Amino acid sequence: MSVTSFAIGFVTGWVVRSTVESSRELAVDVAVGSQDALHKLRRAFVAEREFLEDLWSEAKARAGVERPPPRPAGANDTDGPLSRDGAPRAEAEAPS
């Protein structure tokens, strides 16, 4: 083995090791950056979801204020509850 081939091998190994170490640091930096971006994205998603839930709740509340509550099924304003055939119930038919 000559001194020249040893020196070339040594320098090549040094360059490869330097490249691997710097690329490892680059990979770690990319991973940290992606974790930060993912964390920010999650926070933005949660904030947007809360905003939409608040918006939906406010819309439901306003709709309930402007609209009268629904009447019970089968209720008749003038004659009382309806019988099964749709006619007003007689006193004897009224449930107790």
N, C-alpha and C. Protein backbone atom coordinates (compact mmCIF):
# COMPACT_ATOMS: atom_id res chain seq x y z
N MET A 1 0.85 -1.15 0.00
CA MET A 1 0.00 0.00 0.00
C MET A 1 0.91 1.23 0.00
N SER A 2 0.60 2.15 -0.84
CA SER A 2 1.44 3.32 -0.94
C SER A 2 0.87 4.44 -0.06
N VAL A 3 1.67 5.39 0.21
CA VAL A 3 1.27 6.53 1.02
C VAL A 3 0.22 7.36 0.28
N THR A 4 0.31 7.43 -1.03
CA THR A 4 -0.64 8.20 -1.83
C THR A 4 -2.05 7.59 -1.74
N SER A 5 -2.15 6.26 -1.89
CA SER A 5 -3.47 5.63 -1.83
C SER A 5 -4.05 5.73 -0.41
N PHE A 6 -3.16 5.65 0.61
CA PHE A 6 -3.63 5.83 1.98
C PHE A 6 -4.17 7.25 2.17
N ALA A 7 -3.48 8.25 1.67
CA ALA A 7 -3.89 9.64 1.81
C ALA A 7 -5.22 9.89 1.07
N ILE A 8 -5.35 9.31 -0.14
CA ILE A 8 -6.60 9.46 -0.89
C ILE A 8 -7.75 8.80 -0.13
N GLY A 9 -7.53 7.62 0.39
CA GLY A 9 -8.55 6.93 1.18
C GLY A 9 -8.91 7.70 2.44
N PHE A 10 -7.91 8.25 3.11
CA PHE A 10 -8.14 9.01 4.32
C PHE A 10 -8.96 10.26 4.03
N VAL A 11 -8.60 11.00 2.99
CA VAL A 11 -9.31 12.22 2.63
C VAL A 11 -10.74 11.88 2.18
N THR A 12 -10.90 10.83 1.39
CA THR A 12 -12.23 10.42 0.95
C THR A 12 -13.10 10.05 2.14
N GLY A 13 -12.56 9.30 3.07
CA GLY A 13 -13.30 8.94 4.28
C GLY A 13 -13.68 10.17 5.09
N TRP A 14 -12.77 11.12 5.20
CA TRP A 14 -13.04 12.35 5.95
C TRP A 14 -14.17 13.15 5.29
N VAL A 15 -14.13 13.24 3.97
CA VAL A 15 -15.17 13.97 3.23
C VAL A 15 -16.52 13.28 3.40
N VAL A 16 -16.55 11.96 3.27
CA VAL A 16 -17.80 11.21 3.41
C VAL A 16 -18.35 11.38 4.82
N ARG A 17 -17.49 11.27 5.80
CA ARG A 17 -17.94 11.44 7.19
C ARG A 17 -18.47 12.85 7.43
N SER A 18 -17.82 13.84 6.89
CA SER A 18 -18.29 15.22 7.04
C SER A 18 -19.64 15.41 6.35
N THR A 19 -19.80 14.79 5.20
CA THR A 19 -21.06 14.90 4.47
C THR A 19 -22.18 14.20 5.22
N VAL A 20 -21.92 13.04 5.76
CA VAL A 20 -22.95 12.29 6.49
C VAL A 20 -23.35 13.05 7.74
N GLU A 21 -22.40 13.59 8.46
CA GLU A 21 -22.72 14.33 9.68
C GLU A 21 -23.53 15.58 9.34
N SER A 22 -23.18 16.29 8.28
CA SER A 22 -23.92 17.48 7.95
C SER A 22 -25.31 17.13 7.42
N SER A 23 -25.43 16.02 6.70
CA SER A 23 -26.75 15.62 6.22
C SER A 23 -27.61 15.11 7.37
N ARG A 24 -26.98 14.51 8.38
CA ARG A 24 -27.75 14.09 9.56
C ARG A 24 -28.32 15.32 10.27
N GLU A 25 -27.49 16.34 10.42
CA GLU A 25 -27.95 17.56 11.06
C GLU A 25 -29.06 18.22 10.22
N LEU A 26 -28.92 18.17 8.91
CA LEU A 26 -29.95 18.69 8.03
C LEU A 26 -31.26 17.90 8.20
N ALA A 27 -31.15 16.58 8.29
CA ALA A 27 -32.34 15.74 8.48
C ALA A 27 -33.02 16.05 9.81
N VAL A 28 -32.25 16.26 10.86
CA VAL A 28 -32.82 16.60 12.16
C VAL A 28 -33.50 17.97 12.09
N ASP A 29 -32.87 18.92 11.42
CA ASP A 29 -33.47 20.25 11.27
C ASP A 29 -34.79 20.18 10.50
N VAL A 30 -34.82 19.35 9.46
CA VAL A 30 -36.06 19.18 8.68
C VAL A 30 -37.14 18.55 9.55
N ALA A 31 -36.76 17.54 10.36
CA ALA A 31 -37.73 16.90 11.25
C ALA A 31 -38.28 17.87 12.29
N VAL A 32 -37.41 18.70 12.85
CA VAL A 32 -37.85 19.70 13.83
C VAL A 32 -38.78 20.70 13.16
N GLY A 33 -38.43 21.15 11.97
CA GLY A 33 -39.28 22.09 11.24
C GLY A 33 -40.64 21.49 10.91
N SER A 34 -40.66 20.22 10.52
CA SER A 34 -41.95 19.60 10.21
C SER A 34 -42.79 19.41 11.46
N GLN A 35 -42.17 19.11 12.59
CA GLN A 35 -42.90 19.01 13.85
C GLN A 35 -43.51 20.36 14.24
N ASP A 36 -42.73 21.43 14.08
CA ASP A 36 -43.24 22.77 14.37
C ASP A 36 -44.41 23.12 13.45
N ALA A 37 -44.27 22.81 12.17
CA ALA A 37 -45.34 23.10 11.22
C ALA A 37 -46.60 22.29 11.55
N LEU A 38 -46.42 21.04 11.92
CA LEU A 38 -47.55 20.19 12.28
C LEU A 38 -48.25 20.72 13.54
N HIS A 39 -47.46 21.17 14.51
CA HIS A 39 -48.03 21.74 15.73
C HIS A 39 -48.84 23.00 15.42
N LYS A 40 -48.30 23.87 14.57
CA LYS A 40 -49.02 25.09 14.19
C LYS A 40 -50.29 24.76 13.42
N LEU A 41 -50.23 23.75 12.56
CA LEU A 41 -51.40 23.34 11.79
C LEU A 41 -52.48 22.80 12.71
N ARG A 42 -52.10 22.00 13.69
CA ARG A 42 -53.07 21.48 14.66
C ARG A 42 -53.72 22.61 15.44
N ARG A 43 -52.93 23.57 15.90
CA ARG A 43 -53.48 24.70 16.65
C ARG A 43 -54.44 25.51 15.79
N ALA A 44 -54.09 25.72 14.53
CA ALA A 44 -54.97 26.46 13.62
C ALA A 44 -56.26 25.68 13.39
N PHE A 45 -56.17 24.36 13.25
CA PHE A 45 -57.36 23.54 13.04
C PHE A 45 -58.28 23.60 14.24
N VAL A 46 -57.72 23.52 15.45
CA VAL A 46 -58.53 23.58 16.67
C VAL A 46 -59.20 24.95 16.79
N ALA A 47 -58.47 26.00 16.51
CA ALA A 47 -59.05 27.35 16.59
C ALA A 47 -60.17 27.51 15.57
N GLU A 48 -59.99 27.02 14.36
CA GLU A 48 -61.02 27.13 13.33
C GLU A 48 -62.25 26.30 13.70
N ARG A 49 -62.02 25.11 14.27
CA ARG A 49 -63.14 24.26 14.69
C ARG A 49 -63.95 24.94 15.79
N GLU A 50 -63.27 25.55 16.76
CA GLU A 50 -63.97 26.26 17.83
C GLU A 50 -64.76 27.44 17.27
N PHE A 51 -64.18 28.15 16.31
CA PHE A 51 -64.88 29.27 15.68
C PHE A 51 -66.16 28.79 14.99
N LEU A 52 -66.04 27.68 14.24
CA LEU A 52 -67.22 27.16 13.53
C LEU A 52 -68.26 26.63 14.50
N GLU A 53 -67.83 26.01 15.61
CA GLU A 53 -68.79 25.55 16.61
C GLU A 53 -69.53 26.73 17.24
N ASP A 54 -68.80 27.80 17.54
CA ASP A 54 -69.44 29.00 18.09
C ASP A 54 -70.43 29.61 17.09
N LEU A 55 -70.02 29.64 15.83
CA LEU A 55 -70.89 30.17 14.78
C LEU A 55 -72.17 29.34 14.67
N TRP A 56 -72.03 28.03 14.68
CA TRP A 56 -73.18 27.14 14.58
C TRP A 56 -74.09 27.29 15.80
N SER A 57 -73.52 27.38 16.98
CA SER A 57 -74.32 27.56 18.19
C SER A 57 -75.07 28.87 18.16
N GLU A 58 -74.42 29.93 17.72
CA GLU A 58 -75.09 31.23 17.63
C GLU A 58 -76.22 31.18 16.62
N ALA A 59 -75.99 30.51 15.50
CA ALA A 59 -77.04 30.40 14.48
C ALA A 59 -78.23 29.61 15.02
N LYS A 60 -77.97 28.53 15.75
CA LYS A 60 -79.06 27.76 16.33
C LYS A 60 -79.81 28.58 17.36
N ALA A 61 -79.10 29.35 18.17
CA ALA A 61 -79.74 30.16 19.20
C ALA A 61 -80.61 31.25 18.55
N ARG A 62 -80.11 31.89 17.52
CA ARG A 62 -80.89 32.93 16.85
C ARG A 62 -82.11 32.33 16.14
N ALA A 63 -81.95 31.18 15.57
CA ALA A 63 -83.07 30.53 14.89
C ALA A 63 -84.15 30.16 15.90
N GLY A 64 -83.77 29.77 17.10
CA GLY A 64 -84.73 29.44 18.14
C GLY A 64 -85.45 30.65 18.66
N VAL A 65 -84.81 31.80 18.68
CA VAL A 65 -85.43 33.03 19.18
C VAL A 65 -86.45 33.54 18.17
N GLU A 66 -86.13 33.48 16.90
CA GLU A 66 -87.00 34.04 15.86
C GLU A 66 -88.17 33.13 15.52
N ARG A 67 -88.07 31.86 15.79
CA ARG A 67 -89.09 30.90 15.42
C ARG A 67 -89.79 30.41 16.68
N PRO A 68 -91.12 30.30 16.66
CA PRO A 68 -91.81 29.78 17.84
C PRO A 68 -91.50 28.30 18.03
N PRO A 69 -91.58 27.80 19.26
CA PRO A 69 -91.28 26.38 19.48
C PRO A 69 -92.29 25.50 18.74
N PRO A 70 -91.90 24.33 18.30
CA PRO A 70 -92.79 23.46 17.55
C PRO A 70 -93.93 22.95 18.43
N ARG A 71 -95.10 22.79 17.82
CA ARG A 71 -96.24 22.25 18.55
C ARG A 71 -96.09 20.75 18.67
N PRO A 72 -96.62 20.16 19.73
CA PRO A 72 -96.56 18.71 19.85
C PRO A 72 -97.31 18.04 18.70
N ALA A 73 -96.88 16.86 18.34
CA ALA A 73 -97.51 16.14 17.23
C ALA A 73 -98.96 15.83 17.58
N GLY A 74 -99.86 16.07 16.65
CA GLY A 74 -101.26 15.76 16.83
C GLY A 74 -102.03 16.82 17.59
N ALA A 75 -101.42 17.93 17.93
CA ALA A 75 -102.12 18.98 18.67
C ALA A 75 -102.99 19.78 17.72
N ASN A 76 -104.13 20.18 18.22
CA ASN A 76 -105.06 20.98 17.43
C ASN A 76 -105.39 22.21 18.27
N ASP A 77 -105.21 23.39 17.71
CA ASP A 77 -105.38 24.62 18.48
C ASP A 77 -106.80 24.78 19.03
N THR A 78 -107.83 24.40 18.27
CA THR A 78 -109.20 24.69 18.68
C THR A 78 -109.87 23.54 19.40
N ASP A 79 -109.60 22.33 18.99
CA ASP A 79 -110.36 21.19 19.53
C ASP A 79 -109.56 20.30 20.47
N GLY A 80 -108.33 20.59 20.73
CA GLY A 80 -107.53 19.71 21.58
C GLY A 80 -106.85 18.63 20.75
N PRO A 81 -106.37 17.57 21.41
CA PRO A 81 -105.64 16.51 20.69
C PRO A 81 -106.53 15.80 19.68
N LEU A 82 -105.88 15.30 18.63
CA LEU A 82 -106.60 14.57 17.59
C LEU A 82 -106.61 13.08 17.89
N SER A 83 -107.64 12.39 17.41
CA SER A 83 -107.68 10.93 17.55
C SER A 83 -106.84 10.31 16.44
N ARG A 84 -106.78 8.99 16.41
CA ARG A 84 -105.94 8.31 15.42
C ARG A 84 -106.41 8.57 13.99
N ASP A 85 -107.68 8.77 13.79
CA ASP A 85 -108.16 9.00 12.43
C ASP A 85 -108.09 10.47 12.02
N GLY A 86 -107.58 11.36 12.89
CA GLY A 86 -107.38 12.75 12.56
C GLY A 86 -108.50 13.66 13.02
N ALA A 87 -109.57 13.09 13.56
CA ALA A 87 -110.68 13.91 14.06
C ALA A 87 -110.40 14.28 15.51
N PRO A 88 -111.01 15.38 16.00
CA PRO A 88 -110.82 15.75 17.41
C PRO A 88 -111.34 14.65 18.33
N ARG A 89 -110.64 14.42 19.43
CA ARG A 89 -111.04 13.39 20.39
C ARG A 89 -112.25 13.85 21.20
N ALA A 90 -113.07 12.89 21.52
CA ALA A 90 -114.19 13.16 22.43
C ALA A 90 -113.67 13.07 23.86
N GLU A 91 -114.44 13.54 24.81
CA GLU A 91 -114.02 13.52 26.22
C GLU A 91 -113.70 12.11 26.67
N ALA A 92 -114.48 11.12 26.24
CA ALA A 92 -114.27 9.75 26.67
C ALA A 92 -112.97 9.17 26.10
N GLU A 93 -112.51 9.69 24.97
CA GLU A 93 -111.32 9.17 24.33
C GLU A 93 -110.04 9.79 24.87
N ALA A 94 -110.15 10.88 25.56
CA ALA A 94 -108.97 11.60 26.02
C ALA A 94 -108.15 10.73 26.95
N PRO A 95 -106.86 10.67 26.77
CA PRO A 95 -106.01 9.85 27.65
C PRO A 95 -105.98 10.44 29.05
N SER A 96 -105.84 9.57 30.02
CA SER A 96 -105.80 10.03 31.40
C SER A 96 -104.40 10.19 31.90
